[in-house]
Amino acid sequence: MQASHILRKYDPAQWGGTETAVQRLVKGLQMHGISSMVHAPENASHTTIDPLRDAGAKIQRYRAFVPVLGISAAQRDA
């Protein structure tokens, strides 16, 4: 069995609470024989470190356009 996790953004260089929760979920599901596939938009960061991949998840990137016109920088970065 495989679980899909769909993230609106995922950049290992900007690790935070959502990423930590998904990482723990991936590890917990593995203990029950369930593999994980993470779907996330492409990003500009090309780091070789990927904690979700290292936790055993397969990462599938896709092209996405996120309209952010008319909102503040703080809202965009949230």
PDB file of N, CA and C in Angstrom:
ATOM      1  N   MET A   1       0.846  -1.167   0.000  1.00  0.00           N
ATOM      2  CA  MET A   1       0.000   0.000   0.000  1.00  0.00           C
ATOM      3  C   MET A   1       0.896   1.236   0.000  1.00  0.00           C
ATOM      4  N   GLN A   2       0.400   2.287  -0.610  1.00  0.00           N
ATOM      5  CA  GLN A   2       1.168   3.530  -0.684  1.00  0.00           C
ATOM      6  C   GLN A   2       0.269   4.713  -0.340  1.00  0.00           C
ATOM      7  N   ALA A   3       0.817   5.640   0.445  1.00  0.00           N
ATOM      8  CA  ALA A   3       0.111   6.875   0.789  1.00  0.00           C
ATOM      9  C   ALA A   3       0.700   8.017  -0.021  1.00  0.00           C
ATOM     10  N   SER A   4      -0.149   8.937  -0.442  1.00  0.00           N
ATOM     11  CA  SER A   4       0.308  10.134  -1.150  1.00  0.00           C
ATOM     12  C   SER A   4       0.133  11.337  -0.238  1.00  0.00           C
ATOM     13  N   HIS A   5       1.176  12.134  -0.153  1.00  0.00           N
ATOM     14  CA  HIS A   5       1.160  13.359   0.640  1.00  0.00           C
ATOM     15  C   HIS A   5       1.343  14.505  -0.346  1.00  0.00           C
ATOM     16  N   ILE A   6       0.395  15.406  -0.416  1.00  0.00           N
ATOM     17  CA  ILE A   6       0.430  16.491  -1.391  1.00  0.00           C
ATOM     18  C   ILE A   6       0.683  17.794  -0.646  1.00  0.00           C
ATOM     19  N   LEU A   7       1.841  18.384  -0.912  1.00  0.00           N
ATOM     20  CA  LEU A   7       2.252  19.599  -0.220  1.00  0.00           C
ATOM     21  C   LEU A   7       2.160  20.788  -1.164  1.00  0.00           C
ATOM     22  N   ARG A   8       1.717  21.920  -0.659  1.00  0.00           N
ATOM     23  CA  ARG A   8       1.632  23.119  -1.507  1.00  0.00           C
ATOM     24  C   ARG A   8       2.999  23.723  -1.733  1.00  0.00           C
ATOM     25  N   LYS A   9       3.956  23.433  -0.836  1.00  0.00           N
ATOM     26  CA  LYS A   9       5.352  23.820  -1.037  1.00  0.00           C
ATOM     27  C   LYS A   9       6.215  22.871  -0.230  1.00  0.00           C
ATOM     28  N   TYR A  10       7.401  22.606  -0.753  1.00  0.00           N
ATOM     29  CA  TYR A  10       8.357  21.790  -0.018  1.00  0.00           C
ATOM     30  C   TYR A  10       9.751  22.154  -0.487  1.00  0.00           C
ATOM     31  N   ASP A  11      10.486  22.809   0.387  1.00  0.00           N
ATOM     32  CA  ASP A  11      11.873  23.188   0.135  1.00  0.00           C
ATOM     33  C   ASP A  11      12.678  22.738   1.347  1.00  0.00           C
ATOM     34  N   PRO A  12      13.496  21.693   1.209  1.00  0.00           N
ATOM     35  CA  PRO A  12      14.270  21.206   2.350  1.00  0.00           C
ATOM     36  C   PRO A  12      15.123  22.285   3.018  1.00  0.00           C
ATOM     37  N   ALA A  13      15.481  23.333   2.271  1.00  0.00           N
ATOM     38  CA  ALA A  13      16.284  24.417   2.848  1.00  0.00           C
ATOM     39  C   ALA A  13      15.451  25.294   3.782  1.00  0.00           C
ATOM     40  N   GLN A  14      14.122  25.170   3.722  1.00  0.00           N
ATOM     41  CA  GLN A  14      13.228  25.945   4.587  1.00  0.00           C
ATOM     42  C   GLN A  14      12.385  24.992   5.430  1.00  0.00           C
ATOM     43  N   TRP A  15      13.053  24.144   6.179  1.00  0.00           N
ATOM     44  CA  TRP A  15      12.394  23.114   6.983  1.00  0.00           C
ATOM     45  C   TRP A  15      11.577  23.753   8.096  1.00  0.00           C
ATOM     46  N   GLY A  16      10.375  23.247   8.332  1.00  0.00           N
ATOM     47  CA  GLY A  16       9.523  23.800   9.382  1.00  0.00           C
ATOM     48  C   GLY A  16       8.592  22.745   9.962  1.00  0.00           C
ATOM     49  N   GLY A  17       7.514  23.204  10.564  1.00  0.00           N
ATOM     50  CA  GLY A  17       6.591  22.323  11.269  1.00  0.00           C
ATOM     51  C   GLY A  17       5.857  21.343  10.375  1.00  0.00           C
ATOM     52  N   THR A  18       5.368  21.801   9.228  1.00  0.00           N
ATOM     53  CA  THR A  18       4.655  20.900   8.321  1.00  0.00           C
ATOM     54  C   THR A  18       5.571  19.792   7.833  1.00  0.00           C
ATOM     55  N   GLU A  19       6.791  20.166   7.476  1.00  0.00           N
ATOM     56  CA  GLU A  19       7.752  19.176   6.980  1.00  0.00           C
ATOM     57  C   GLU A  19       8.091  18.154   8.064  1.00  0.00           C
ATOM     58  N   THR A  20       8.234  18.624   9.294  1.00  0.00           N
ATOM     59  CA  THR A  20       8.523  17.719  10.407  1.00  0.00           C
ATOM     60  C   THR A  20       7.360  16.753  10.627  1.00  0.00           C
ATOM     61  N   ALA A  21       6.130  17.259  10.560  1.00  0.00           N
ATOM     62  CA  ALA A  21       4.954  16.404  10.738  1.00  0.00           C
ATOM     63  C   ALA A  21       4.867  15.351   9.632  1.00  0.00           C
ATOM     64  N   VAL A  22       5.125  15.747   8.390  1.00  0.00           N
ATOM     65  CA  VAL A  22       5.079  14.794   7.276  1.00  0.00           C
ATOM     66  C   VAL A  22       6.189  13.760   7.430  1.00  0.00           C
ATOM     67  N   GLN A  23       7.378  14.187   7.849  1.00  0.00           N
ATOM     68  CA  GLN A  23       8.487  13.253   8.056  1.00  0.00           C
ATOM     69  C   GLN A  23       8.109  12.197   9.101  1.00  0.00           C
ATOM     70  N   ARG A  24       7.513  12.616  10.192  1.00  0.00           N
ATOM     71  CA  ARG A  24       7.098  11.671  11.240  1.00  0.00           C
ATOM     72  C   ARG A  24       5.997  10.744  10.737  1.00  0.00           C
ATOM     73  N   LEU A  25       5.092  11.275   9.939  1.00  0.00           N
ATOM     74  CA  LEU A  25       4.030  10.459   9.363  1.00  0.00           C
ATOM     75  C   LEU A  25       4.610   9.408   8.423  1.00  0.00           C
ATOM     76  N   VAL A  26       5.564   9.810   7.588  1.00  0.00           N
ATOM     77  CA  VAL A  26       6.221   8.875   6.663  1.00  0.00           C
ATOM     78  C   VAL A  26       6.864   7.730   7.445  1.00  0.00           C
ATOM     79  N   LYS A  27       7.591   8.064   8.496  1.00  0.00           N
ATOM     80  CA  LYS A  27       8.260   7.035   9.307  1.00  0.00           C
ATOM     81  C   LYS A  27       7.243   6.138  10.013  1.00  0.00           C
ATOM     82  N   GLY A  28       6.166   6.734  10.533  1.00  0.00           N
ATOM     83  CA  GLY A  28       5.140   5.944  11.208  1.00  0.00           C
ATOM     84  C   GLY A  28       4.427   4.996  10.263  1.00  0.00           C
ATOM     85  N   LEU A  29       4.114   5.463   9.067  1.00  0.00           N
ATOM     86  CA  LEU A  29       3.459   4.605   8.084  1.00  0.00           C
ATOM     87  C   LEU A  29       4.361   3.456   7.660  1.00  0.00           C
ATOM     88  N   GLN A  30       5.663   3.725   7.559  1.00  0.00           N
ATOM     89  CA  GLN A  30       6.611   2.668   7.190  1.00  0.00           C
ATOM     90  C   GLN A  30       6.559   1.515   8.183  1.00  0.00           C
ATOM     91  N   MET A  31       6.376   1.831   9.451  1.00  0.00           N
ATOM     92  CA  MET A  31       6.327   0.788  10.480  1.00  0.00           C
ATOM     93  C   MET A  31       5.116  -0.120  10.295  1.00  0.00           C
ATOM     94  N   HIS A  32       4.140   0.313   9.503  1.00  0.00           N
ATOM     95  CA  HIS A  32       2.953  -0.489   9.211  1.00  0.00           C
ATOM     96  C   HIS A  32       2.972  -1.017   7.776  1.00  0.00           C
ATOM     97  N   GLY A  33       4.133  -0.928   7.136  1.00  0.00           N
ATOM     98  CA  GLY A  33       4.279  -1.465   5.788  1.00  0.00           C
ATOM     99  C   GLY A  33       3.706  -0.592   4.688  1.00  0.00           C
ATOM    100  N   ILE A  34       3.504   0.676   4.972  1.00  0.00           N
ATOM    101  CA  ILE A  34       2.928   1.593   3.985  1.00  0.00           C
ATOM    102  C   ILE A  34       4.013   2.543   3.498  1.00  0.00           C
ATOM    103  N   SER A  35       4.249   2.556   2.196  1.00  0.00           N
ATOM    104  CA  SER A  35       5.243   3.469   1.628  1.00  0.00           C
ATOM    105  C   SER A  35       4.588   4.814   1.332  1.00  0.00           C
ATOM    106  N   SER A  36       5.411   5.840   1.177  1.00  0.00           N
ATOM    107  CA  SER A  36       4.900   7.199   0.971  1.00  0.00           C
ATOM    108  C   SER A  36       5.463   7.830  -0.287  1.00  0.00           C
ATOM    109  N   MET A  37       4.602   8.564  -0.974  1.00  0.00           N
ATOM    110  CA  MET A  37       4.985   9.375  -2.120  1.00  0.00           C
ATOM    111  C   MET A  37       4.603  10.807  -1.788  1.00  0.00           C
ATOM    112  N   VAL A  38       5.585  11.712  -1.837  1.00  0.00           N
ATOM    113  CA  VAL A  38       5.333  13.123  -1.567  1.00  0.00           C
ATOM    114  C   VAL A  38       5.262  13.858  -2.897  1.00  0.00           C
ATOM    115  N   HIS A  39       4.162  14.548  -3.135  1.00  0.00           N
ATOM    116  CA  HIS A  39       3.975  15.363  -4.332  1.00  0.00           C
ATOM    117  C   HIS A  39       4.127  16.817  -3.910  1.00  0.00           C
ATOM    118  N   ALA A  40       5.036  17.532  -4.566  1.00  0.00           N
ATOM    119  CA  ALA A  40       5.295  18.929  -4.206  1.00  0.00           C
ATOM    120  C   ALA A  40       5.753  19.694  -5.438  1.00  0.00           C
ATOM    121  N   PRO A  41       5.517  21.006  -5.461  1.00  0.00           N
ATOM    122  CA  PRO A  41       5.963  21.807  -6.600  1.00  0.00           C
ATOM    123  C   PRO A  41       7.483  21.840  -6.707  1.00  0.00           C
ATOM    124  N   GLU A  42       7.960  22.057  -7.925  1.00  0.00           N
ATOM    125  CA  GLU A  42       9.394  22.273  -8.122  1.00  0.00           C
ATOM    126  C   GLU A  42       9.802  23.511  -7.343  1.00  0.00           C
ATOM    127  N   ASN A  43      11.071  23.567  -6.954  1.00  0.00           N
ATOM    128  CA  ASN A  43      11.561  24.767  -6.277  1.00  0.00           C
ATOM    129  C   ASN A  43      12.928  25.131  -6.822  1.00  0.00           C
ATOM    130  N   ALA A  44      13.367  26.337  -6.511  1.00  0.00           N
ATOM    131  CA  ALA A  44      14.639  26.839  -7.030  1.00  0.00           C
ATOM    132  C   ALA A  44      15.828  26.297  -6.255  1.00  0.00           C
ATOM    133  N   SER A  45      15.593  25.825  -5.046  1.00  0.00           N
ATOM    134  CA  SER A  45      16.679  25.301  -4.215  1.00  0.00           C
ATOM    135  C   SER A  45      17.097  23.929  -4.740  1.00  0.00           C
ATOM    136  N   HIS A  46      18.369  23.753  -4.946  1.00  0.00           N
ATOM    137  CA  HIS A  46      18.869  22.475  -5.457  1.00  0.00           C
ATOM    138  C   HIS A  46      19.769  21.816  -4.426  1.00  0.00           C
ATOM    139  N   THR A  47      19.286  21.728  -3.200  1.00  0.00           N
ATOM    140  CA  THR A  47      20.059  21.105  -2.142  1.00  0.00           C
ATOM    141  C   THR A  47      20.076  19.588  -2.319  1.00  0.00           C
ATOM    142  N   THR A  48      21.163  18.967  -1.914  1.00  0.00           N
ATOM    143  CA  THR A  48      21.259  17.510  -2.002  1.00  0.00           C
ATOM    144  C   THR A  48      20.694  16.849  -0.752  1.00  0.00           C
ATOM    145  N   ILE A  49      20.464  17.642   0.286  1.00  0.00           N
ATOM    146  CA  ILE A  49      19.902  17.119   1.525  1.00  0.00           C
ATOM    147  C   ILE A  49      18.381  17.146   1.408  1.00  0.00           C
ATOM    148  N   ASP A  50      17.748  16.012   1.633  1.00  0.00           N
ATOM    149  CA  ASP A  50      16.291  15.933   1.565  1.00  0.00           C
ATOM    150  C   ASP A  50      15.800  15.002   2.675  1.00  0.00           C
ATOM    151  N   PRO A  51      15.405  15.556   3.816  1.00  0.00           N
ATOM    152  CA  PRO A  51      14.995  14.723   4.947  1.00  0.00           C
ATOM    153  C   PRO A  51      13.809  13.800   4.664  1.00  0.00           C
ATOM    154  N   LEU A  52      12.880  14.210   3.824  1.00  0.00           N
ATOM    155  CA  LEU A  52      11.758  13.322   3.517  1.00  0.00           C
ATOM    156  C   LEU A  52      12.224  12.135   2.681  1.00  0.00           C
ATOM    157  N   ARG A  53      13.080  12.383   1.722  1.00  0.00           N
ATOM    158  CA  ARG A  53      13.650  11.283   0.932  1.00  0.00           C
ATOM    159  C   ARG A  53      14.465  10.370   1.837  1.00  0.00           C
ATOM    160  N   ASP A  54      15.250  10.984   2.729  1.00  0.00           N
ATOM    161  CA  ASP A  54      16.067  10.195   3.650  1.00  0.00           C
ATOM    162  C   ASP A  54      15.210   9.372   4.611  1.00  0.00           C
ATOM    163  N   ALA A  55      13.979   9.827   4.871  1.00  0.00           N
ATOM    164  CA  ALA A  55      13.055   9.089   5.738  1.00  0.00           C
ATOM    165  C   ALA A  55      12.387   7.931   4.995  1.00  0.00           C
ATOM    166  N   GLY A  56      12.610   7.856   3.679  1.00  0.00           N
ATOM    167  CA  GLY A  56      12.070   6.750   2.899  1.00  0.00           C
ATOM    168  C   GLY A  56      10.983   7.119   1.912  1.00  0.00           C
ATOM    169  N   ALA A  57      10.612   8.384   1.843  1.00  0.00           N
ATOM    170  CA  ALA A  57       9.562   8.806   0.912  1.00  0.00           C
ATOM    171  C   ALA A  57      10.134   9.006  -0.489  1.00  0.00           C
ATOM    172  N   LYS A  58       9.332   8.702  -1.477  1.00  0.00           N
ATOM    173  CA  LYS A  58       9.669   9.054  -2.853  1.00  0.00           C
ATOM    174  C   LYS A  58       9.142  10.467  -3.075  1.00  0.00           C
ATOM    175  N   ILE A  59       9.908  11.290  -3.778  1.00  0.00           N
ATOM    176  CA  ILE A  59       9.519  12.678  -4.011  1.00  0.00           C
ATOM    177  C   ILE A  59       9.183  12.857  -5.484  1.00  0.00           C
ATOM    178  N   GLN A  60       7.989  13.347  -5.760  1.00  0.00           N
ATOM    179  CA  GLN A  60       7.560  13.637  -7.128  1.00  0.00           C
ATOM    180  C   GLN A  60       7.304  15.134  -7.228  1.00  0.00           C
ATOM    181  N   ARG A  61       8.091  15.822  -8.046  1.00  0.00           N
ATOM    182  CA  ARG A  61       7.938  17.273  -8.221  1.00  0.00           C
ATOM    183  C   ARG A  61       7.080  17.554  -9.446  1.00  0.00           C
ATOM    184  N   TYR A  62       6.334  18.626  -9.394  1.00  0.00           N
ATOM    185  CA  TYR A  62       5.509  19.043 -10.528  1.00  0.00           C
ATOM    186  C   TYR A  62       5.622  20.550 -10.709  1.00  0.00           C
ATOM    187  N   ARG A  63       5.323  21.000 -11.903  1.00  0.00           N
ATOM    188  CA  ARG A  63       5.335  22.436 -12.188  1.00  0.00           C
ATOM    189  C   ARG A  63       4.053  23.045 -11.639  1.00  0.00           C
ATOM    190  N   ALA A  64       4.195  24.211 -11.054  1.00  0.00           N
ATOM    191  CA  ALA A  64       3.023  24.880 -10.489  1.00  0.00           C
ATOM    192  C   ALA A  64       3.196  26.382 -10.601  1.00  0.00           C
ATOM    193  N   PHE A  65       2.087  27.047 -10.743  1.00  0.00           N
ATOM    194  CA  PHE A  65       2.063  28.503 -10.724  1.00  0.00           C
ATOM    195  C   PHE A  65       1.190  28.909  -9.554  1.00  0.00           C
ATOM    196  N   VAL A  66       1.762  29.671  -8.655  1.00  0.00           N
ATOM    197  CA  VAL A  66       1.019  30.125  -7.488  1.00  0.00           C
ATOM    198  C   VAL A  66       0.865  31.634  -7.586  1.00  0.00           C
ATOM    199  N   PRO A  67      -0.326  32.120  -7.887  1.00  0.00           N
ATOM    200  CA  PRO A  67      -0.505  33.568  -8.000  1.00  0.00           C
ATOM    201  C   PRO A  67      -0.394  34.233  -6.631  1.00  0.00           C
ATOM    202  N   VAL A  68       0.529  35.167  -6.535  1.00  0.00           N
ATOM    203  CA  VAL A  68       0.756  35.842  -5.256  1.00  0.00           C
ATOM    204  C   VAL A  68       0.651  37.352  -5.405  1.00  0.00           C
ATOM    205  N   LEU A  69       0.028  37.822  -6.469  1.00  0.00           N
ATOM    206  CA  LEU A  69      -0.131  39.255  -6.673  1.00  0.00           C
ATOM    207  C   LEU A  69      -1.127  39.823  -5.672  1.00  0.00           C
ATOM    208  N   GLY A  70      -0.798  40.977  -5.140  1.00  0.00           N
ATOM    209  CA  GLY A  70      -1.724  41.654  -4.256  1.00  0.00           C
ATOM    210  C   GLY A  70      -1.670  41.225  -2.804  1.00  0.00           C
ATOM    211  N   ILE A  71      -0.732  40.345  -2.439  1.00  0.00           N
ATOM    212  CA  ILE A  71      -0.598  39.986  -1.034  1.00  0.00           C
ATOM    213  C   ILE A  71       0.785  40.400  -0.550  1.00  0.00           C
ATOM    214  N   SER A  72       0.898  40.589   0.730  1.00  0.00           N
ATOM    215  CA  SER A  72       2.162  41.065   1.299  1.00  0.00           C
ATOM    216  C   SER A  72       3.233  39.981   1.252  1.00  0.00           C
ATOM    217  N   ALA A  73       4.490  40.385   1.391  1.00  0.00           N
ATOM    218  CA  ALA A  73       5.612  39.440   1.410  1.00  0.00           C
ATOM    219  C   ALA A  73       5.462  38.453   2.562  1.00  0.00           C
ATOM    220  N   ALA A  74       4.979  38.910   3.704  1.00  0.00           N
ATOM    221  CA  ALA A  74       4.792  38.026   4.859  1.00  0.00           C
ATOM    222  C   ALA A  74       3.767  36.937   4.557  1.00  0.00           C
ATOM    223  N   GLN A  75       2.675  37.290   3.867  1.00  0.00           N
ATOM    224  CA  GLN A  75       1.664  36.306   3.500  1.00  0.00           C
ATOM    225  C   GLN A  75       2.195  35.335   2.452  1.00  0.00           C
ATOM    226  N   ARG A  76       2.977  35.856   1.486  1.00  0.00           N
ATOM    227  CA  ARG A  76       3.556  35.015   0.440  1.00  0.00           C
ATOM    228  C   ARG A  76       4.479  33.968   1.024  1.00  0.00           C
ATOM    229  N   ASP A  77       5.259  34.331   2.028  1.00  0.00           N
ATOM    230  CA  ASP A  77       6.262  33.435   2.593  1.00  0.00           C
ATOM    231  C   ASP A  77       5.691  32.491   3.639  1.00  0.00           C
ATOM    232  N   ALA A  78       4.438  32.650   3.976  1.00  0.00           N
ATOM    233  CA  ALA A  78       3.826  31.808   5.016  1.00  0.00           C
ATOM    234  C   ALA A  78       3.590  30.404   4.521  1.00  0.00           C
TER     235      ALA A  78
END
